[in-house]
Amino acid sequence: MQFDLRTIEVDGSLRNPTVVVTVLIWAVMLSLISAGAAYLWARSRRATNIQARGRGVAAVLVAAALYLATPLAQFAIGNALYVQQLSREGGPSVISVGFLGGPPVWPAWGAALLAAYSVLRRQRRTKAPGTVTP
């Protein structure tokens, strides 16, 4: 078994198709987490017990931490995609990929904020289970 350590630098902009896939994967993951956090937050605001309120706050804090970890998460996803791509092509067994400029964070943040906003807006319209205001 031969171990080749190879480091490459690739374009980190959205002109690189692998970066586009990386950003899309993270945007979907962050959007689902943000929507779930927004749902728990909206439900916790109507709750009377402290545990439900704590769950809502914890969910928002986890989502905020993931927003801050976006560059690291996109870097890890991009590395995994390049490792998978090069292993199929018979490339080196170990690889480290650097992104010149890094994948942009704004598409994932924008999609996640839009998902959270839509959940909060929908929850705001619902007063009680089964009751919808016009």
Protein backbone atom coordinates (compact mmCIF):
# COMPACT_ATOMS: atom_id res chain seq x y z
CA MET A 1 0.00 0.00 0.00
CA GLN A 2 1.45 3.32 -1.06
CA PHE A 3 0.69 6.55 0.78
CA ASP A 4 0.99 9.72 -1.22
CA LEU A 5 0.50 12.99 0.59
CA ARG A 6 -0.46 15.64 -1.85
CA THR A 7 -1.62 19.18 -1.20
CA ILE A 8 -3.36 21.16 -3.90
CA GLU A 9 -4.82 24.65 -4.05
CA VAL A 10 -8.01 25.17 -6.01
CA ASP A 11 -10.19 28.13 -6.88
CA GLY A 12 -12.53 28.84 -3.98
CA SER A 13 -15.03 30.89 -5.97
CA LEU A 14 -18.37 29.77 -7.36
CA ARG A 15 -16.76 29.25 -10.78
CA ASN A 16 -15.46 25.92 -9.45
CA PRO A 17 -18.20 23.24 -9.77
CA THR A 18 -16.97 21.38 -6.68
CA VAL A 19 -17.24 24.57 -4.63
CA VAL A 20 -20.80 25.06 -5.91
CA VAL A 21 -21.74 21.54 -4.76
CA THR A 22 -19.99 22.16 -1.44
CA VAL A 23 -21.93 25.38 -0.85
CA LEU A 24 -25.22 23.73 -1.86
CA ILE A 25 -24.71 20.78 0.50
CA TRP A 26 -23.92 23.08 3.43
CA ALA A 27 -26.75 25.48 2.53
CA VAL A 28 -29.29 22.64 2.65
CA MET A 29 -27.92 21.33 5.95
CA LEU A 30 -27.80 24.78 7.56
CA SER A 31 -31.29 25.62 6.25
CA LEU A 32 -32.79 22.48 7.79
CA ILE A 33 -31.09 23.18 11.12
CA SER A 34 -32.14 26.83 11.05
CA ALA A 35 -35.73 25.94 10.24
CA GLY A 36 -35.79 23.45 13.10
CA ALA A 37 -34.27 25.99 15.49
CA ALA A 38 -36.80 28.63 14.41
CA TYR A 39 -39.64 26.17 14.94
CA LEU A 40 -38.42 25.28 18.44
CA TRP A 41 -37.89 28.98 19.23
CA ALA A 42 -41.41 29.90 18.12
CA ARG A 43 -42.92 27.02 20.09
CA SER A 44 -40.87 27.89 23.18
CA ARG A 45 -42.14 31.48 23.19
CA ARG A 46 -45.69 30.19 23.69
CA ALA A 47 -44.67 27.60 26.29
CA THR A 48 -45.17 28.12 29.99
CA ASN A 49 -42.62 25.64 31.33
CA ILE A 50 -38.92 26.44 31.58
CA GLN A 51 -37.78 23.26 29.82
CA ALA A 52 -39.52 24.15 26.58
CA ARG A 53 -38.05 27.64 26.68
CA GLY A 54 -34.60 26.20 27.31
CA ARG A 55 -34.93 23.93 24.27
CA GLY A 56 -35.77 26.90 22.08
CA VAL A 57 -32.80 28.90 23.34
CA ALA A 58 -30.48 25.90 22.99
CA ALA A 59 -31.63 25.31 19.41
CA VAL A 60 -30.97 28.94 18.47
CA LEU A 61 -27.52 28.81 20.09
CA VAL A 62 -26.63 25.64 18.18
CA ALA A 63 -27.78 27.24 14.92
CA ALA A 64 -25.74 30.37 15.68
CA ALA A 65 -22.65 28.26 16.35
CA LEU A 66 -23.14 26.50 13.02
CA TYR A 67 -23.45 29.85 11.24
CA LEU A 68 -20.07 30.79 12.69
CA ALA A 69 -18.62 27.40 11.71
CA THR A 70 -19.69 27.78 8.07
CA PRO A 71 -16.17 28.34 6.66
CA LEU A 72 -14.82 25.29 8.49
CA ALA A 73 -17.79 23.12 7.50
CA GLN A 74 -17.53 24.10 3.84
CA PHE A 75 -13.79 23.41 3.91
CA ALA A 76 -14.41 19.92 5.34
CA ILE A 77 -17.16 19.14 2.82
CA GLY A 78 -15.01 20.40 -0.05
CA ASN A 79 -12.07 18.28 1.09
CA ALA A 80 -14.31 15.21 1.31
CA LEU A 81 -15.64 15.82 -2.20
CA TYR A 82 -12.13 16.16 -3.63
CA VAL A 83 -10.93 13.03 -1.80
CA GLN A 84 -13.87 11.09 -3.19
CA GLN A 85 -13.31 12.45 -6.69
CA LEU A 86 -9.60 11.64 -6.71
CA SER A 87 -10.06 8.17 -5.21
CA ARG A 88 -12.37 7.30 -8.10
CA GLU A 89 -9.79 8.48 -10.60
CA GLY A 90 -6.97 6.53 -8.97
CA GLY A 91 -5.33 9.61 -7.48
CA PRO A 92 -3.32 9.86 -4.26
CA SER A 93 -4.66 8.08 -1.20
CA VAL A 94 -4.40 11.09 1.13
CA ILE A 95 -5.06 14.63 -0.02
CA SER A 96 -5.37 18.06 1.49
CA VAL A 97 -7.17 20.73 -0.49
CA GLY A 98 -6.84 24.44 0.08
CA PHE A 99 -9.34 26.86 -1.37
CA LEU A 100 -7.93 30.13 -2.67
CA GLY A 101 -10.26 32.73 -1.23
CA GLY A 102 -12.45 30.07 0.41
CA PRO A 103 -15.98 29.15 -0.55
CA PRO A 104 -18.34 32.08 0.02
CA VAL A 105 -20.50 31.92 3.14
CA TRP A 106 -23.31 34.23 2.00
CA PRO A 107 -25.28 31.66 -0.09
CA ALA A 108 -25.59 29.25 2.84
CA TRP A 109 -26.37 32.04 5.30
CA GLY A 110 -28.96 33.54 2.95
CA ALA A 111 -30.73 30.23 2.37
CA ALA A 112 -30.71 29.39 6.08
CA LEU A 113 -32.02 32.80 7.12
CA LEU A 114 -34.78 32.55 4.51
CA ALA A 115 -35.77 29.11 5.83
CA ALA A 116 -35.83 30.36 9.43
CA TYR A 117 -37.82 33.46 8.45
CA SER A 118 -40.41 31.40 6.60
CA VAL A 119 -40.86 29.08 9.60
CA LEU A 120 -41.16 32.02 12.01
CA ARG A 121 -43.64 33.76 9.74
CA ARG A 122 -45.74 30.63 9.47
CA GLN A 123 -45.61 30.07 13.24
CA ARG A 124 -46.60 33.68 13.88
CA ARG A 125 -49.75 33.17 11.84
CA THR A 126 -50.75 30.13 13.89
CA LYS A 127 -52.22 31.06 17.28
CA ALA A 128 -53.09 27.61 18.59
CA PRO A 129 -52.93 24.12 17.13
CA GLY A 130 -55.53 23.93 14.41
CA THR A 131 -56.27 27.68 14.41
CA VAL A 132 -54.93 29.83 11.60
CA THR A 133 -55.39 33.58 11.42
CA PRO A 134 -56.20 35.04 8.02
